Amino acid sequence: MLSLGSRNSDVTRLQQALQAKGFSPQGADGAFGRNTRAAVVAFQRANRLQADGVVGRDTAAKLFGSRERKYFDGVSDFTPAPGTRPAPGARPGPTPGSASRLVNTVRQVEREMPGTGRCAAAVNEAVRRTYGVNMWGHANQVDNNLPRSHFREVNLSLEEALRRPGLVLTWERTNTRLGRVYGHTAITTGDGRTSVSDYSEADTLAASRRMGRQGLRVFEPIR
């Protein structure tokens, strides 16, 4: 999946395809910015697809043909198609399916968790099960404990992050008694609203405002 904030050679390929079909992203620089998103939305509307500005399997099939669908299967970025070369300075995206596995795992962990108040325990366990790495610490320690061999920090707003699946969100503090000490953490589902830890939060944007969450950091899986 490609969305606002993605940056690699496949974004360049996306921009070139949009331009060829008459939906100008105003350049092919390999950076998925607001102009590229606007072009994607226009293309989706013209082809009666969900106009969410995210290039998933159905949008990719319309742009590139059905054989390309596998490169857009539920991950926050994707591995370049065979024969393509990364743009200069680009970093590799996650292994296909890794973000989806993390979402599915945290949902399973949530079902197993008794009660709430254990957001860090749920995220730590989901990371451990998905990637086989040990995790520990409170919610405001998760950002420093995530293995950099498997995750990298990305500069996204909360609204942008919620549109991408499998991102780990951490907040330094909230306005609750425990939140002022331990913060909060969760994993995005990619639907633009929901995040999951020891419970499923249906509207994370609204909850973040209501609970005065501060110090957001966002991490995406890279393998």
N, C-alpha and C. Protein backbone atom coordinates (compact mmCIF):
# COMPACT_ATOMS: atom_id res chain seq x y z
N MET A 1 0.84 -1.18 0.00
CA MET A 1 0.00 0.00 0.00
C MET A 1 0.89 1.25 0.00
N LEU A 2 0.51 2.20 -0.80
CA LEU A 2 1.18 3.49 -0.82
C LEU A 2 0.20 4.56 -0.36
N SER A 3 0.67 5.50 0.43
CA SER A 3 -0.20 6.56 0.93
C SER A 3 0.65 7.79 1.23
N LEU A 4 -0.02 8.83 1.68
CA LEU A 4 0.64 10.08 1.99
C LEU A 4 1.82 9.83 2.93
N GLY A 5 3.00 10.28 2.52
CA GLY A 5 4.21 10.08 3.32
C GLY A 5 5.13 9.01 2.79
N SER A 6 4.63 8.10 1.91
CA SER A 6 5.50 7.09 1.31
C SER A 6 6.55 7.76 0.44
N ARG A 7 7.72 7.14 0.38
CA ARG A 7 8.80 7.74 -0.41
C ARG A 7 9.72 6.62 -0.90
N ASN A 8 9.65 6.29 -2.17
CA ASN A 8 10.57 5.32 -2.77
C ASN A 8 10.37 5.31 -4.29
N SER A 9 11.06 4.39 -4.94
CA SER A 9 11.01 4.36 -6.41
C SER A 9 9.65 3.95 -6.93
N ASP A 10 8.88 3.21 -6.13
CA ASP A 10 7.55 2.81 -6.57
C ASP A 10 6.57 3.97 -6.56
N VAL A 11 6.82 4.97 -5.72
CA VAL A 11 6.01 6.18 -5.78
C VAL A 11 6.27 6.90 -7.11
N THR A 12 7.53 6.90 -7.54
CA THR A 12 7.85 7.48 -8.85
C THR A 12 7.08 6.76 -9.94
N ARG A 13 7.06 5.43 -9.88
CA ARG A 13 6.33 4.63 -10.87
C ARG A 13 4.83 4.95 -10.81
N LEU A 14 4.31 5.11 -9.62
CA LEU A 14 2.91 5.50 -9.45
C LEU A 14 2.65 6.86 -10.09
N GLN A 15 3.50 7.82 -9.82
CA GLN A 15 3.32 9.17 -10.36
C GLN A 15 3.37 9.16 -11.89
N GLN A 16 4.27 8.38 -12.45
CA GLN A 16 4.37 8.28 -13.91
C GLN A 16 3.11 7.66 -14.51
N ALA A 17 2.57 6.64 -13.81
CA ALA A 17 1.35 5.99 -14.31
C ALA A 17 0.16 6.94 -14.24
N LEU A 18 0.07 7.70 -13.17
CA LEU A 18 -1.01 8.67 -13.05
C LEU A 18 -0.92 9.72 -14.16
N GLN A 19 0.30 10.22 -14.40
CA GLN A 19 0.52 11.21 -15.44
C GLN A 19 0.11 10.66 -16.80
N ALA A 20 0.46 9.41 -17.07
CA ALA A 20 0.15 8.79 -18.36
C ALA A 20 -1.36 8.65 -18.58
N LYS A 21 -2.10 8.53 -17.47
CA LYS A 21 -3.55 8.36 -17.59
C LYS A 21 -4.29 9.69 -17.46
N GLY A 22 -3.54 10.80 -17.39
CA GLY A 22 -4.15 12.11 -17.40
C GLY A 22 -4.50 12.67 -16.03
N PHE A 23 -3.88 12.12 -14.97
CA PHE A 23 -4.13 12.60 -13.62
C PHE A 23 -2.80 13.09 -13.05
N SER A 24 -2.49 14.34 -13.29
CA SER A 24 -1.15 14.84 -13.00
C SER A 24 -0.88 14.99 -11.50
N PRO A 25 0.20 14.35 -11.00
CA PRO A 25 0.63 14.57 -9.62
C PRO A 25 1.59 15.74 -9.50
N GLN A 26 1.81 16.44 -10.64
CA GLN A 26 2.71 17.60 -10.69
C GLN A 26 4.15 17.21 -10.35
N GLY A 27 4.60 16.17 -11.01
CA GLY A 27 5.99 15.74 -10.84
C GLY A 27 6.08 14.27 -10.51
N ALA A 28 7.28 13.72 -10.73
CA ALA A 28 7.55 12.31 -10.41
C ALA A 28 8.84 12.25 -9.61
N ASP A 29 8.75 12.67 -8.35
CA ASP A 29 9.94 12.80 -7.51
C ASP A 29 10.09 11.68 -6.48
N GLY A 30 9.17 10.70 -6.51
CA GLY A 30 9.26 9.59 -5.58
C GLY A 30 8.75 9.89 -4.19
N ALA A 31 8.12 11.05 -3.99
CA ALA A 31 7.57 11.43 -2.69
C ALA A 31 6.05 11.56 -2.80
N PHE A 32 5.34 10.79 -2.01
CA PHE A 32 3.87 10.80 -2.04
C PHE A 32 3.39 11.97 -1.19
N GLY A 33 3.23 13.12 -1.83
CA GLY A 33 2.75 14.32 -1.15
C GLY A 33 1.29 14.59 -1.46
N ARG A 34 0.85 15.80 -1.13
CA ARG A 34 -0.55 16.13 -1.28
C ARG A 34 -0.99 16.18 -2.74
N ASN A 35 -0.09 16.61 -3.64
CA ASN A 35 -0.46 16.64 -5.06
C ASN A 35 -0.66 15.23 -5.61
N THR A 36 0.21 14.31 -5.17
CA THR A 36 0.06 12.92 -5.60
C THR A 36 -1.23 12.33 -5.04
N ARG A 37 -1.52 12.62 -3.78
CA ARG A 37 -2.76 12.11 -3.19
C ARG A 37 -3.98 12.65 -3.93
N ALA A 38 -3.96 13.92 -4.29
CA ALA A 38 -5.08 14.50 -5.02
C ALA A 38 -5.27 13.80 -6.37
N ALA A 39 -4.15 13.48 -7.03
CA ALA A 39 -4.23 12.78 -8.32
C ALA A 39 -4.78 11.37 -8.13
N VAL A 40 -4.37 10.69 -7.06
CA VAL A 40 -4.89 9.35 -6.77
C VAL A 40 -6.38 9.40 -6.51
N VAL A 41 -6.83 10.36 -5.71
CA VAL A 41 -8.26 10.49 -5.41
C VAL A 41 -9.06 10.73 -6.69
N ALA A 42 -8.55 11.60 -7.57
CA ALA A 42 -9.23 11.88 -8.83
C ALA A 42 -9.31 10.62 -9.69
N PHE A 43 -8.22 9.85 -9.73
CA PHE A 43 -8.21 8.60 -10.49
C PHE A 43 -9.21 7.61 -9.91
N GLN A 44 -9.23 7.49 -8.59
CA GLN A 44 -10.15 6.56 -7.95
C GLN A 44 -11.60 6.93 -8.23
N ARG A 45 -11.93 8.21 -8.15
CA ARG A 45 -13.30 8.64 -8.42
C ARG A 45 -13.69 8.35 -9.87
N ALA A 46 -12.74 8.59 -10.77
CA ALA A 46 -13.03 8.36 -12.19
C ALA A 46 -13.25 6.88 -12.49
N ASN A 47 -12.68 6.01 -11.66
CA ASN A 47 -12.79 4.57 -11.87
C ASN A 47 -13.71 3.88 -10.87
N ARG A 48 -14.50 4.70 -10.15
CA ARG A 48 -15.50 4.19 -9.20
C ARG A 48 -14.87 3.29 -8.14
N LEU A 49 -13.72 3.72 -7.65
CA LEU A 49 -13.05 3.04 -6.55
C LEU A 49 -13.24 3.87 -5.28
N GLN A 50 -12.96 3.27 -4.14
CA GLN A 50 -13.01 4.03 -2.90
C GLN A 50 -12.00 5.17 -2.97
N ALA A 51 -12.49 6.40 -2.86
CA ALA A 51 -11.62 7.57 -3.06
C ALA A 51 -10.98 7.98 -1.73
N ASP A 52 -10.03 7.15 -1.26
CA ASP A 52 -9.38 7.40 0.02
C ASP A 52 -7.95 7.91 -0.14
N GLY A 53 -7.47 8.02 -1.39
CA GLY A 53 -6.11 8.51 -1.61
C GLY A 53 -5.03 7.51 -1.28
N VAL A 54 -5.40 6.28 -1.04
CA VAL A 54 -4.45 5.21 -0.70
C VAL A 54 -4.39 4.22 -1.87
N VAL A 55 -3.18 3.88 -2.29
CA VAL A 55 -3.02 2.96 -3.41
C VAL A 55 -2.88 1.54 -2.86
N GLY A 56 -3.98 0.84 -2.82
CA GLY A 56 -4.00 -0.56 -2.42
C GLY A 56 -4.15 -1.45 -3.63
N ARG A 57 -4.62 -2.66 -3.41
CA ARG A 57 -4.65 -3.65 -4.49
C ARG A 57 -5.58 -3.25 -5.64
N ASP A 58 -6.79 -2.76 -5.31
CA ASP A 58 -7.75 -2.45 -6.37
C ASP A 58 -7.30 -1.26 -7.21
N THR A 59 -6.79 -0.22 -6.55
CA THR A 59 -6.29 0.93 -7.29
C THR A 59 -5.08 0.55 -8.15
N ALA A 60 -4.20 -0.27 -7.59
CA ALA A 60 -3.02 -0.72 -8.33
C ALA A 60 -3.41 -1.53 -9.56
N ALA A 61 -4.44 -2.38 -9.40
CA ALA A 61 -4.89 -3.19 -10.53
C ALA A 61 -5.38 -2.32 -11.67
N LYS A 62 -6.09 -1.22 -11.33
CA LYS A 62 -6.58 -0.32 -12.37
C LYS A 62 -5.44 0.45 -13.03
N LEU A 63 -4.46 0.81 -12.23
CA LEU A 63 -3.34 1.61 -12.76
C LEU A 63 -2.35 0.77 -13.55
N PHE A 64 -1.98 -0.39 -13.00
CA PHE A 64 -0.86 -1.16 -13.54
C PHE A 64 -1.27 -2.49 -14.15
N GLY A 65 -2.49 -2.96 -13.89
CA GLY A 65 -2.90 -4.28 -14.33
C GLY A 65 -2.96 -5.23 -13.15
N SER A 66 -3.74 -6.29 -13.28
CA SER A 66 -4.00 -7.19 -12.16
C SER A 66 -2.75 -7.90 -11.66
N ARG A 67 -1.74 -8.08 -12.51
CA ARG A 67 -0.54 -8.79 -12.06
C ARG A 67 0.23 -8.01 -11.00
N GLU A 68 -0.04 -6.70 -10.87
CA GLU A 68 0.67 -5.89 -9.89
C GLU A 68 0.00 -5.89 -8.52
N ARG A 69 -1.16 -6.50 -8.40
CA ARG A 69 -1.90 -6.41 -7.14
C ARG A 69 -1.10 -6.92 -5.95
N LYS A 70 -0.29 -7.95 -6.15
CA LYS A 70 0.42 -8.56 -5.02
C LYS A 70 1.38 -7.59 -4.35
N TYR A 71 1.80 -6.53 -5.05
CA TYR A 71 2.73 -5.59 -4.44
C TYR A 71 2.02 -4.54 -3.58
N PHE A 72 0.70 -4.62 -3.51
CA PHE A 72 -0.06 -3.62 -2.78
C PHE A 72 -1.01 -4.31 -1.79
N ASP A 73 -0.58 -5.41 -1.20
CA ASP A 73 -1.46 -6.26 -0.41
C ASP A 73 -1.36 -5.95 1.07
N GLY A 74 -1.93 -4.80 1.51
CA GLY A 74 -2.11 -4.56 2.92
C GLY A 74 -0.89 -4.18 3.71
N VAL A 75 0.17 -3.64 3.11
CA VAL A 75 1.33 -3.20 3.86
C VAL A 75 1.46 -1.69 3.72
N SER A 76 2.20 -1.09 4.65
CA SER A 76 2.27 0.37 4.68
C SER A 76 3.19 0.93 3.62
N ASP A 77 3.96 0.10 3.02
CA ASP A 77 4.80 0.43 1.88
C ASP A 77 4.99 -0.90 1.19
N PHE A 78 5.74 -1.02 0.12
CA PHE A 78 5.89 -2.33 -0.48
C PHE A 78 7.24 -2.47 -1.16
N THR A 79 7.65 -3.74 -1.32
CA THR A 79 8.89 -4.05 -1.97
C THR A 79 8.79 -3.77 -3.46
N PRO A 80 9.79 -3.15 -4.09
CA PRO A 80 9.71 -2.85 -5.52
C PRO A 80 9.48 -4.08 -6.37
N ALA A 81 8.77 -3.90 -7.46
CA ALA A 81 8.56 -5.00 -8.38
C ALA A 81 9.88 -5.45 -8.98
N PRO A 82 9.98 -6.74 -9.39
CA PRO A 82 11.21 -7.23 -9.99
C PRO A 82 11.66 -6.35 -11.15
N GLY A 83 12.94 -6.02 -11.17
CA GLY A 83 13.50 -5.22 -12.25
C GLY A 83 13.53 -3.75 -11.98
N THR A 84 12.89 -3.28 -10.89
CA THR A 84 12.93 -1.86 -10.58
C THR A 84 14.08 -1.59 -9.63
N ARG A 85 14.60 -0.38 -9.69
CA ARG A 85 15.71 0.01 -8.83
C ARG A 85 15.26 1.10 -7.87
N PRO A 86 15.73 1.04 -6.62
CA PRO A 86 15.33 2.07 -5.65
C PRO A 86 15.82 3.44 -6.09
N ALA A 87 15.08 4.46 -5.74
CA ALA A 87 15.51 5.83 -6.01
C ALA A 87 16.74 6.13 -5.16
N PRO A 88 17.64 7.01 -5.61
CA PRO A 88 18.83 7.33 -4.83
C PRO A 88 18.46 7.77 -3.42
N GLY A 89 19.08 7.12 -2.45
CA GLY A 89 18.86 7.46 -1.05
C GLY A 89 17.61 6.87 -0.45
N ALA A 90 16.82 6.13 -1.24
CA ALA A 90 15.59 5.55 -0.70
C ALA A 90 15.92 4.37 0.20
N ARG A 91 15.10 4.20 1.25
CA ARG A 91 15.26 3.07 2.14
C ARG A 91 14.26 2.00 1.77
N PRO A 92 14.57 0.72 1.99
CA PRO A 92 13.64 -0.35 1.62
C PRO A 92 12.37 -0.29 2.44
N GLY A 93 11.27 -0.70 1.83
CA GLY A 93 10.01 -0.76 2.55
C GLY A 93 9.90 -2.06 3.31
N PRO A 94 8.79 -2.25 4.04
CA PRO A 94 8.61 -3.45 4.82
C PRO A 94 8.44 -4.68 3.96
N THR A 95 8.73 -5.85 4.51
CA THR A 95 8.44 -7.09 3.83
C THR A 95 6.95 -7.17 3.58
N PRO A 96 6.51 -7.56 2.35
CA PRO A 96 5.09 -7.63 2.08
C PRO A 96 4.36 -8.45 3.12
N GLY A 97 3.26 -7.91 3.66
CA GLY A 97 2.45 -8.61 4.63
C GLY A 97 2.84 -8.39 6.07
N SER A 98 4.01 -7.80 6.35
CA SER A 98 4.45 -7.66 7.73
C SER A 98 3.51 -6.78 8.53
N ALA A 99 3.05 -5.68 7.96
CA ALA A 99 2.12 -4.80 8.67
C ALA A 99 0.79 -5.49 8.92
N SER A 100 0.31 -6.24 7.95
CA SER A 100 -0.95 -6.97 8.12
C SER A 100 -0.82 -8.01 9.22
N ARG A 101 0.32 -8.69 9.28
CA ARG A 101 0.52 -9.68 10.34
C ARG A 101 0.49 -9.02 11.71
N LEU A 102 1.10 -7.84 11.82
CA LEU A 102 1.12 -7.15 13.10
C LEU A 102 -0.29 -6.74 13.52
N VAL A 103 -1.10 -6.26 12.58
CA VAL A 103 -2.49 -5.89 12.89
C VAL A 103 -3.27 -7.12 13.34
N ASN A 104 -3.15 -8.21 12.60
CA ASN A 104 -3.89 -9.42 12.96
C ASN A 104 -3.46 -9.93 14.34
N THR A 105 -2.17 -9.83 14.62
CA THR A 105 -1.66 -10.33 15.90
C THR A 105 -2.16 -9.48 17.07
N VAL A 106 -2.11 -8.15 16.92
CA VAL A 106 -2.56 -7.32 18.04
C VAL A 106 -4.06 -7.48 18.28
N ARG A 107 -4.82 -7.75 17.23
CA ARG A 107 -6.25 -8.03 17.43
C ARG A 107 -6.44 -9.31 18.24
N GLN A 108 -5.62 -10.32 17.94
CA GLN A 108 -5.70 -11.56 18.70
C GLN A 108 -5.31 -11.33 20.17
N VAL A 109 -4.24 -10.56 20.38
CA VAL A 109 -3.80 -10.25 21.74
C VAL A 109 -4.90 -9.50 22.49
N GLU A 110 -5.54 -8.55 21.80
CA GLU A 110 -6.62 -7.79 22.45
C GLU A 110 -7.73 -8.71 22.94
N ARG A 111 -8.09 -9.71 22.14
CA ARG A 111 -9.15 -10.64 22.53
C ARG A 111 -8.75 -11.45 23.76
N GLU A 112 -7.46 -11.67 23.92
CA GLU A 112 -6.98 -12.48 25.04
C GLU A 112 -6.77 -11.67 26.32
N MET A 113 -6.69 -10.34 26.19
CA MET A 113 -6.37 -9.49 27.34
C MET A 113 -7.58 -9.35 28.27
N PRO A 114 -7.40 -9.59 29.58
CA PRO A 114 -8.49 -9.37 30.53
C PRO A 114 -8.55 -7.90 30.94
N GLY A 115 -9.63 -7.22 30.60
CA GLY A 115 -9.77 -5.82 31.00
C GLY A 115 -8.90 -4.89 30.19
N THR A 116 -8.74 -3.66 30.70
CA THR A 116 -7.93 -2.66 30.01
C THR A 116 -6.86 -2.14 30.96
N GLY A 117 -6.11 -1.14 30.50
CA GLY A 117 -5.03 -0.60 31.33
C GLY A 117 -3.70 -1.27 31.09
N ARG A 118 -3.63 -2.06 30.00
CA ARG A 118 -2.39 -2.79 29.71
C ARG A 118 -1.99 -2.60 28.25
N CYS A 119 -2.09 -1.36 27.78
CA CYS A 119 -1.82 -1.10 26.36
C CYS A 119 -0.40 -1.50 25.97
N ALA A 120 0.59 -1.18 26.80
CA ALA A 120 1.98 -1.52 26.46
C ALA A 120 2.18 -3.02 26.44
N ALA A 121 1.56 -3.74 27.39
CA ALA A 121 1.69 -5.19 27.41
C ALA A 121 1.15 -5.80 26.13
N ALA A 122 0.04 -5.24 25.61
CA ALA A 122 -0.55 -5.76 24.38
C ALA A 122 0.33 -5.49 23.17
N VAL A 123 0.84 -4.27 23.06
CA VAL A 123 1.70 -3.93 21.93
C VAL A 123 3.01 -4.72 22.00
N ASN A 124 3.58 -4.82 23.18
CA ASN A 124 4.83 -5.58 23.34
C ASN A 124 4.63 -7.04 22.93
N GLU A 125 3.51 -7.62 23.35
CA GLU A 125 3.24 -9.02 23.02
C GLU A 125 2.99 -9.20 21.52
N ALA A 126 2.29 -8.25 20.91
CA ALA A 126 2.03 -8.34 19.47
C ALA A 126 3.33 -8.27 18.67
N VAL A 127 4.23 -7.37 19.07
CA VAL A 127 5.53 -7.28 18.39
C VAL A 127 6.33 -8.57 18.60
N ARG A 128 6.30 -9.08 19.82
CA ARG A 128 7.05 -10.31 20.11
C ARG A 128 6.56 -11.47 19.25
N ARG A 129 5.24 -11.65 19.19
CA ARG A 129 4.68 -12.77 18.42
C ARG A 129 4.93 -12.61 16.93
N THR A 130 4.84 -11.39 16.45
CA THR A 130 4.97 -11.16 15.00
C THR A 130 6.41 -11.30 14.53
N TYR A 131 7.35 -10.74 15.31
CA TYR A 131 8.74 -10.66 14.84
C TYR A 131 9.72 -11.50 15.64
N GLY A 132 9.24 -12.12 16.72
CA GLY A 132 10.13 -12.97 17.50
C GLY A 132 11.19 -12.22 18.26
N VAL A 133 10.90 -10.97 18.65
CA VAL A 133 11.86 -10.17 19.42
C VAL A 133 11.23 -9.83 20.77
N ASN A 134 12.03 -9.82 21.81
CA ASN A 134 11.53 -9.52 23.14
C ASN A 134 11.26 -8.02 23.28
N MET A 135 10.15 -7.68 23.91
CA MET A 135 9.76 -6.30 24.14
C MET A 135 9.39 -6.13 25.61
N TRP A 136 9.58 -4.92 26.11
CA TRP A 136 9.29 -4.63 27.51
C TRP A 136 9.03 -3.13 27.65
N GLY A 137 8.63 -2.73 28.84
CA GLY A 137 8.50 -1.31 29.14
C GLY A 137 7.08 -0.80 29.08
N HIS A 138 6.87 0.38 29.69
CA HIS A 138 5.58 1.05 29.67
C HIS A 138 5.34 1.68 28.30
N ALA A 139 4.15 2.28 28.14
CA ALA A 139 3.78 2.83 26.84
C ALA A 139 4.75 3.90 26.37
N ASN A 140 5.21 4.76 27.29
CA ASN A 140 6.13 5.81 26.87
C ASN A 140 7.57 5.34 26.81
N GLN A 141 7.78 4.02 26.96
CA GLN A 141 9.10 3.43 26.75
C GLN A 141 9.16 2.57 25.49
N VAL A 142 7.98 2.26 24.94
CA VAL A 142 7.92 1.41 23.75
C VAL A 142 8.72 2.02 22.60
N ASP A 143 8.64 3.35 22.43
CA ASP A 143 9.33 3.99 21.31
C ASP A 143 10.84 3.74 21.36
N ASN A 144 11.42 3.72 22.54
CA ASN A 144 12.85 3.48 22.65
C ASN A 144 13.21 2.00 22.64
N ASN A 145 12.24 1.14 22.94
CA ASN A 145 12.52 -0.29 23.01
C ASN A 145 12.23 -1.04 21.71
N LEU A 146 11.49 -0.43 20.78
CA LEU A 146 11.23 -1.09 19.50
C LEU A 146 12.56 -1.38 18.80
N PRO A 147 12.79 -2.61 18.35
CA PRO A 147 14.07 -2.94 17.70
C PRO A 147 14.21 -2.20 16.37
N ARG A 148 15.28 -1.45 16.22
CA ARG A 148 15.48 -0.68 14.99
C ARG A 148 15.82 -1.58 13.81
N SER A 149 16.09 -2.84 14.07
CA SER A 149 16.25 -3.79 12.97
C SER A 149 14.92 -4.13 12.32
N HIS A 150 13.82 -3.83 13.00
CA HIS A 150 12.50 -4.17 12.50
C HIS A 150 11.58 -2.96 12.32
N PHE A 151 11.90 -1.83 12.95
CA PHE A 151 11.05 -0.65 12.88
C PHE A 151 11.88 0.60 12.63
N ARG A 152 11.26 1.58 11.98
CA ARG A 152 11.88 2.89 11.83
C ARG A 152 10.84 3.96 12.13
N GLU A 153 11.30 5.07 12.64
CA GLU A 153 10.39 6.17 12.95
C GLU A 153 10.06 6.94 11.67
N VAL A 154 8.80 7.33 11.51
CA VAL A 154 8.36 8.08 10.35
C VAL A 154 7.68 9.36 10.82
N ASN A 155 7.80 10.39 10.01
CA ASN A 155 7.25 11.71 10.35
C ASN A 155 5.85 11.84 9.75
N LEU A 156 4.85 11.41 10.52
CA LEU A 156 3.46 11.46 10.07
C LEU A 156 2.60 12.07 11.16
N SER A 157 1.57 12.77 10.75
CA SER A 157 0.57 13.22 11.71
C SER A 157 -0.26 12.01 12.13
N LEU A 158 -1.01 12.15 13.20
CA LEU A 158 -1.88 11.06 13.63
C LEU A 158 -2.91 10.72 12.56
N GLU A 159 -3.47 11.74 11.93
CA GLU A 159 -4.46 11.51 10.88
C GLU A 159 -3.87 10.69 9.74
N GLU A 160 -2.65 11.02 9.32
CA GLU A 160 -1.99 10.27 8.25
C GLU A 160 -1.65 8.86 8.69
N ALA A 161 -1.15 8.72 9.91
CA ALA A 161 -0.75 7.41 10.41
C ALA A 161 -1.93 6.44 10.48
N LEU A 162 -3.10 6.95 10.84
CA LEU A 162 -4.25 6.07 10.98
C LEU A 162 -4.73 5.51 9.65
N ARG A 163 -4.28 6.08 8.55
CA ARG A 163 -4.65 5.56 7.22
C ARG A 163 -3.71 4.44 6.77
N ARG A 164 -2.69 4.14 7.58
CA ARG A 164 -1.73 3.11 7.21
C ARG A 164 -1.74 2.00 8.26
N PRO A 165 -1.81 0.73 7.83
CA PRO A 165 -1.92 -0.37 8.79
C PRO A 165 -0.58 -0.74 9.40
N GLY A 166 -0.62 -1.22 10.64
CA GLY A 166 0.56 -1.80 11.27
C GLY A 166 1.57 -0.81 11.77
N LEU A 167 1.21 0.46 11.98
CA LEU A 167 2.13 1.42 12.55
C LEU A 167 1.99 1.42 14.07
N VAL A 168 3.10 1.52 14.76
CA VAL A 168 3.08 1.59 16.22
C VAL A 168 3.05 3.06 16.63
N LEU A 169 2.03 3.43 17.39
CA LEU A 169 1.89 4.79 17.90
C LEU A 169 2.28 4.82 19.37
N THR A 170 3.04 5.81 19.77
CA THR A 170 3.33 5.99 21.19
C THR A 170 3.13 7.45 21.56
N TRP A 171 2.53 7.67 22.73
CA TRP A 171 2.37 9.01 23.28
C TRP A 171 3.12 9.08 24.61
N GLU A 172 3.77 10.17 24.85
CA GLU A 172 4.55 10.34 26.08
C GLU A 172 3.66 10.44 27.31
N ARG A 173 2.48 11.09 27.15
CA ARG A 173 1.61 11.26 28.31
C ARG A 173 0.18 11.53 27.86
N THR A 174 -0.77 11.29 28.76
CA THR A 174 -2.17 11.64 28.55
C THR A 174 -2.65 12.37 29.81
N ASN A 175 -3.92 12.77 29.82
CA ASN A 175 -4.41 13.53 30.98
C ASN A 175 -5.05 12.67 32.06
N THR A 176 -4.96 11.32 31.92
CA THR A 176 -5.47 10.46 32.98
C THR A 176 -4.40 10.28 34.05
N ARG A 177 -4.80 9.74 35.19
CA ARG A 177 -3.85 9.57 36.30
C ARG A 177 -2.67 8.68 35.88
N LEU A 178 -2.97 7.52 35.30
CA LEU A 178 -1.90 6.63 34.88
C LEU A 178 -1.22 7.14 33.62
N GLY A 179 -2.01 7.78 32.75
CA GLY A 179 -1.44 8.27 31.49
C GLY A 179 -0.39 9.34 31.69
N ARG A 180 -0.51 10.12 32.76
CA ARG A 180 0.49 11.15 33.02
C ARG A 180 1.85 10.53 33.35
N VAL A 181 1.81 9.28 33.81
CA VAL A 181 3.06 8.60 34.16
C VAL A 181 3.54 7.68 33.03
N TYR A 182 2.58 6.93 32.44
CA TYR A 182 2.96 5.86 31.53
C TYR A 182 2.67 6.15 30.06
N GLY A 183 1.87 7.16 29.73
CA GLY A 183 1.55 7.44 28.34
C GLY A 183 0.58 6.42 27.76
N HIS A 184 0.60 6.28 26.44
CA HIS A 184 -0.30 5.34 25.76
C HIS A 184 0.39 4.85 24.49
N THR A 185 0.03 3.64 24.06
CA THR A 185 0.57 3.08 22.82
C THR A 185 -0.49 2.20 22.17
N ALA A 186 -0.45 2.08 20.85
CA ALA A 186 -1.41 1.26 20.12
C ALA A 186 -0.86 1.01 18.71
N ILE A 187 -1.55 0.16 17.97
CA ILE A 187 -1.16 -0.19 16.60
C ILE A 187 -2.33 0.16 15.67
N THR A 188 -2.04 0.83 14.57
CA THR A 188 -3.07 1.25 13.63
C THR A 188 -3.59 0.08 12.81
N THR A 189 -4.88 0.15 12.43
CA THR A 189 -5.46 -0.87 11.56
C THR A 189 -5.47 -0.44 10.10
N GLY A 190 -5.32 0.87 9.84
CA GLY A 190 -5.30 1.37 8.47
C GLY A 190 -6.63 1.85 7.94
N ASP A 191 -7.67 1.86 8.79
CA ASP A 191 -8.99 2.28 8.31
C ASP A 191 -9.23 3.78 8.47
N GLY A 192 -8.21 4.51 8.95
CA GLY A 192 -8.33 5.94 9.12
C GLY A 192 -8.89 6.37 10.46
N ARG A 193 -9.27 5.41 11.32
CA ARG A 193 -9.88 5.76 12.60
C ARG A 193 -9.37 4.90 13.77
N THR A 194 -9.25 3.61 13.54
CA THR A 194 -9.09 2.65 14.63
C THR A 194 -7.64 2.34 14.95
N SER A 195 -7.36 2.19 16.25
CA SER A 195 -6.08 1.63 16.70
C SER A 195 -6.37 0.60 17.78
N VAL A 196 -5.45 -0.34 17.96
CA VAL A 196 -5.70 -1.48 18.85
C VAL A 196 -4.51 -1.67 19.78
N SER A 197 -4.81 -1.92 21.04
CA SER A 197 -3.79 -2.35 22.01
C SER A 197 -4.46 -3.41 22.87
N ASP A 198 -4.72 -3.13 24.14
CA ASP A 198 -5.50 -4.05 24.96
C ASP A 198 -7.00 -3.83 24.75
N TYR A 199 -7.36 -2.85 23.93
CA TYR A 199 -8.74 -2.63 23.51
C TYR A 199 -8.72 -1.97 22.14
N SER A 200 -9.83 -2.05 21.46
CA SER A 200 -9.95 -1.44 20.13
C SER A 200 -10.57 -0.06 20.27
N GLU A 201 -9.84 0.96 19.83
CA GLU A 201 -10.28 2.35 19.95
C GLU A 201 -10.87 2.79 18.61
N ALA A 202 -12.19 2.98 18.58
CA ALA A 202 -12.90 3.19 17.32
C ALA A 202 -12.58 4.53 16.67
N ASP A 203 -12.27 5.55 17.46
CA ASP A 203 -11.97 6.88 16.90
C ASP A 203 -10.76 7.44 17.65
N THR A 204 -9.58 7.09 17.19
CA THR A 204 -8.36 7.46 17.89
C THR A 204 -8.10 8.96 17.83
N LEU A 205 -8.49 9.61 16.74
CA LEU A 205 -8.32 11.06 16.66
C LEU A 205 -9.11 11.77 17.75
N ALA A 206 -10.37 11.40 17.89
CA ALA A 206 -11.21 12.03 18.91
C ALA A 206 -10.72 11.69 20.31
N ALA A 207 -10.34 10.44 20.51
CA ALA A 207 -9.86 10.02 21.83
C ALA A 207 -8.57 10.73 22.20
N SER A 208 -7.70 10.94 21.21
CA SER A 208 -6.44 11.62 21.48
C SER A 208 -6.68 13.05 21.93
N ARG A 209 -7.64 13.72 21.30
CA ARG A 209 -7.97 15.09 21.72
C ARG A 209 -8.62 15.08 23.10
N ARG A 210 -9.55 14.17 23.30
CA ARG A 210 -10.30 14.13 24.56
C ARG A 210 -9.40 13.82 25.75
N MET A 211 -8.42 12.96 25.52
CA MET A 211 -7.56 12.52 26.62
C MET A 211 -6.25 13.31 26.70
N GLY A 212 -6.14 14.36 25.89
CA GLY A 212 -4.99 15.24 25.97
C GLY A 212 -3.66 14.53 25.74
N ARG A 213 -3.63 13.61 24.79
CA ARG A 213 -2.39 12.87 24.53
C ARG A 213 -1.33 13.79 23.92
N GLN A 214 -0.12 13.65 24.38
CA GLN A 214 0.99 14.50 23.94
C GLN A 214 2.22 13.65 23.64
N GLY A 215 3.09 14.20 22.79
CA GLY A 215 4.36 13.54 22.50
C GLY A 215 4.23 12.34 21.59
N LEU A 216 3.42 12.46 20.53
CA LEU A 216 3.22 11.35 19.59
C LEU A 216 4.49 11.03 18.82
N ARG A 217 4.79 9.73 18.71
CA ARG A 217 5.84 9.24 17.81
C ARG A 217 5.24 8.07 17.03
N VAL A 218 5.66 7.90 15.78
CA VAL A 218 5.08 6.89 14.89
C VAL A 218 6.20 6.03 14.32
N PHE A 219 5.99 4.70 14.33
CA PHE A 219 7.00 3.77 13.84
C PHE A 219 6.36 2.78 12.88
N GLU A 220 7.05 2.49 11.77
CA GLU A 220 6.55 1.51 10.82
C GLU A 220 7.48 0.31 10.74
N PRO A 221 6.92 -0.87 10.47
CA PRO A 221 7.77 -2.06 10.32
C PRO A 221 8.55 -2.01 9.02
N ILE A 222 9.79 -2.47 9.05
CA ILE A 222 10.62 -2.49 7.85
C ILE A 222 11.00 -3.91 7.47
N ARG A 223 10.60 -4.90 8.26
CA ARG A 223 10.87 -6.30 7.90
C ARG A 223 9.94 -7.21 8.66
